[in-house]
Amino acid sequence: MRQLRRINDLEVNVSNELPKDPDSEGWFLGWGALRNAPWSLHGVYLNKAEAESQAKVAGEGYVARYGSHRPETDDFVWSDLT
């Protein structure tokens, strides 16, 4: 189940079923569909496939990344380190 949230005049799709981030109180883990520059968080999803699909819908420059999201904001942190 997803919820469309308005954040600073932006609409962000966020799954209501995201697990809590054990390392950051109040944050949740999920797959973000995002663009790094200029910053835009299209949504946060339960699985990679949905995030990749939504990144394509969002347009050029959007990618799927696994990370941590703070609800009611467009804050999303991830690491590209392997």
C-alpha atoms as a PDB file:
ATOM      1  CA  MET A   1       0.000   0.000   0.000  1.00  0.00           C
ATOM      2  CA  ARG A   2       1.313   3.441  -0.918  1.00  0.00           C
ATOM      3  CA  GLN A   3       0.519   6.899   0.285  1.00  0.00           C
ATOM      4  CA  LEU A   4       1.044  10.064  -1.714  1.00  0.00           C
ATOM      5  CA  ARG A   5       2.509  12.709   0.577  1.00  0.00           C
ATOM      6  CA  ARG A   6       2.919  16.399  -0.152  1.00  0.00           C
ATOM      7  CA  ILE A   7       6.289  17.687   1.028  1.00  0.00           C
ATOM      8  CA  ASN A   8       7.242  21.314   0.423  1.00  0.00           C
ATOM      9  CA  ASP A   9       4.820  21.474  -2.534  1.00  0.00           C
ATOM     10  CA  LEU A  10       6.198  18.198  -3.919  1.00  0.00           C
ATOM     11  CA  GLU A  11       4.300  14.935  -4.058  1.00  0.00           C
ATOM     12  CA  VAL A  12       6.247  11.881  -2.893  1.00  0.00           C
ATOM     13  CA  ASN A  13       4.950   8.301  -3.129  1.00  0.00           C
ATOM     14  CA  VAL A  14       5.811   6.388   0.043  1.00  0.00           C
ATOM     15  CA  SER A  15       4.981   2.784   0.906  1.00  0.00           C
ATOM     16  CA  ASN A  16       3.185   2.413   4.250  1.00  0.00           C
ATOM     17  CA  GLU A  17       4.903  -0.938   4.791  1.00  0.00           C
ATOM     18  CA  LEU A  18       8.541   0.169   4.992  1.00  0.00           C
ATOM     19  CA  PRO A  19      10.594  -1.424   7.798  1.00  0.00           C
ATOM     20  CA  LYS A  20      12.107   0.775  10.491  1.00  0.00           C
ATOM     21  CA  ASP A  21      15.781   1.637  10.115  1.00  0.00           C
ATOM     22  CA  PRO A  22      17.453   0.092  13.190  1.00  0.00           C
ATOM     23  CA  ASP A  23      20.334   2.567  12.968  1.00  0.00           C
ATOM     24  CA  SER A  24      18.330   5.800  12.688  1.00  0.00           C
ATOM     25  CA  GLU A  25      15.362   6.438  14.957  1.00  0.00           C
ATOM     26  CA  GLY A  26      12.307   7.654  13.067  1.00  0.00           C
ATOM     27  CA  TRP A  27      13.693   6.645   9.650  1.00  0.00           C
ATOM     28  CA  PHE A  28      12.574   3.774   7.403  1.00  0.00           C
ATOM     29  CA  LEU A  29      14.405   1.524   4.927  1.00  0.00           C
ATOM     30  CA  GLY A  30      13.301   1.216   1.325  1.00  0.00           C
ATOM     31  CA  TRP A  31      14.066   1.676  -2.342  1.00  0.00           C
ATOM     32  CA  GLY A  32      14.088   5.293  -3.446  1.00  0.00           C
ATOM     33  CA  ALA A  33      13.363   6.515  -6.969  1.00  0.00           C
ATOM     34  CA  LEU A  34      15.443   9.669  -7.055  1.00  0.00           C
ATOM     35  CA  ARG A  35      17.491  12.140  -9.040  1.00  0.00           C
ATOM     36  CA  ASN A  36      20.642  13.456  -7.419  1.00  0.00           C
ATOM     37  CA  ALA A  37      21.057  16.749  -9.293  1.00  0.00           C
ATOM     38  CA  PRO A  38      18.946  18.710  -9.021  1.00  0.00           C
ATOM     39  CA  TRP A  39      17.673  16.763  -6.013  1.00  0.00           C
ATOM     40  CA  SER A  40      14.288  15.118  -6.400  1.00  0.00           C
ATOM     41  CA  LEU A  41      12.770  12.214  -4.480  1.00  0.00           C
ATOM     42  CA  HIS A  42       9.998  10.701  -6.578  1.00  0.00           C
ATOM     43  CA  GLY A  43       9.110   7.999  -4.048  1.00  0.00           C
ATOM     44  CA  VAL A  44      10.200   5.293  -1.631  1.00  0.00           C
ATOM     45  CA  TYR A  45       9.132   1.712  -2.285  1.00  0.00           C
ATOM     46  CA  LEU A  46       9.308  -1.740  -0.733  1.00  0.00           C
ATOM     47  CA  ASN A  47      11.197  -3.368  -3.569  1.00  0.00           C
ATOM     48  CA  LYS A  48      13.796  -2.613  -6.196  1.00  0.00           C
ATOM     49  CA  ALA A  49      11.584  -3.534  -9.152  1.00  0.00           C
ATOM     50  CA  GLU A  50       8.926  -0.990  -8.215  1.00  0.00           C
ATOM     51  CA  ALA A  51      11.540   1.711  -7.572  1.00  0.00           C
ATOM     52  CA  GLU A  52      13.172   1.040 -10.949  1.00  0.00           C
ATOM     53  CA  SER A  53       9.787   1.177 -12.672  1.00  0.00           C
ATOM     54  CA  GLN A  54       8.914   4.453 -10.958  1.00  0.00           C
ATOM     55  CA  ALA A  55      12.340   5.910 -11.765  1.00  0.00           C
ATOM     56  CA  LYS A  56      11.558   5.336 -15.455  1.00  0.00           C
ATOM     57  CA  VAL A  57       8.157   6.995 -15.012  1.00  0.00           C
ATOM     58  CA  ALA A  58       9.780   9.976 -13.262  1.00  0.00           C
ATOM     59  CA  GLY A  59      12.054  10.616 -16.223  1.00  0.00           C
ATOM     60  CA  GLU A  60      15.618  11.192 -17.281  1.00  0.00           C
ATOM     61  CA  GLY A  61      18.243  11.078 -14.549  1.00  0.00           C
ATOM     62  CA  TYR A  62      16.145   9.126 -12.037  1.00  0.00           C
ATOM     63  CA  VAL A  63      17.605   5.955 -10.537  1.00  0.00           C
ATOM     64  CA  ALA A  64      16.661   3.395  -7.883  1.00  0.00           C
ATOM     65  CA  ARG A  65      18.761   3.281  -4.705  1.00  0.00           C
ATOM     66  CA  TYR A  66      18.330   1.373  -1.436  1.00  0.00           C
ATOM     67  CA  GLY A  67      18.568   3.578   1.619  1.00  0.00           C
ATOM     68  CA  SER A  68      16.906   5.255   4.552  1.00  0.00           C
ATOM     69  CA  HIS A  69      14.021   7.746   4.388  1.00  0.00           C
ATOM     70  CA  ARG A  70      12.774  10.186   7.012  1.00  0.00           C
ATOM     71  CA  PRO A  71       8.967  10.418   6.778  1.00  0.00           C
ATOM     72  CA  GLU A  72       7.275  13.754   6.048  1.00  0.00           C
ATOM     73  CA  THR A  73      10.445  14.999   4.308  1.00  0.00           C
ATOM     74  CA  ASP A  74      12.285  14.435   1.061  1.00  0.00           C
ATOM     75  CA  ASP A  75      15.306  13.211   3.067  1.00  0.00           C
ATOM     76  CA  PHE A  76      16.766   9.990   1.695  1.00  0.00           C
ATOM     77  CA  VAL A  77      20.302   8.740   2.338  1.00  0.00           C
ATOM     78  CA  TRP A  78      22.119   5.902   0.602  1.00  0.00           C
ATOM     79  CA  SER A  79      25.629   4.732  -0.118  1.00  0.00           C
ATOM     80  CA  ASP A  80      27.006   3.658  -3.466  1.00  0.00           C
ATOM     81  CA  LEU A  81      29.832   1.819  -1.703  1.00  0.00           C
ATOM     82  CA  THR A  82      29.873  -1.947  -2.107  1.00  0.00           C
END
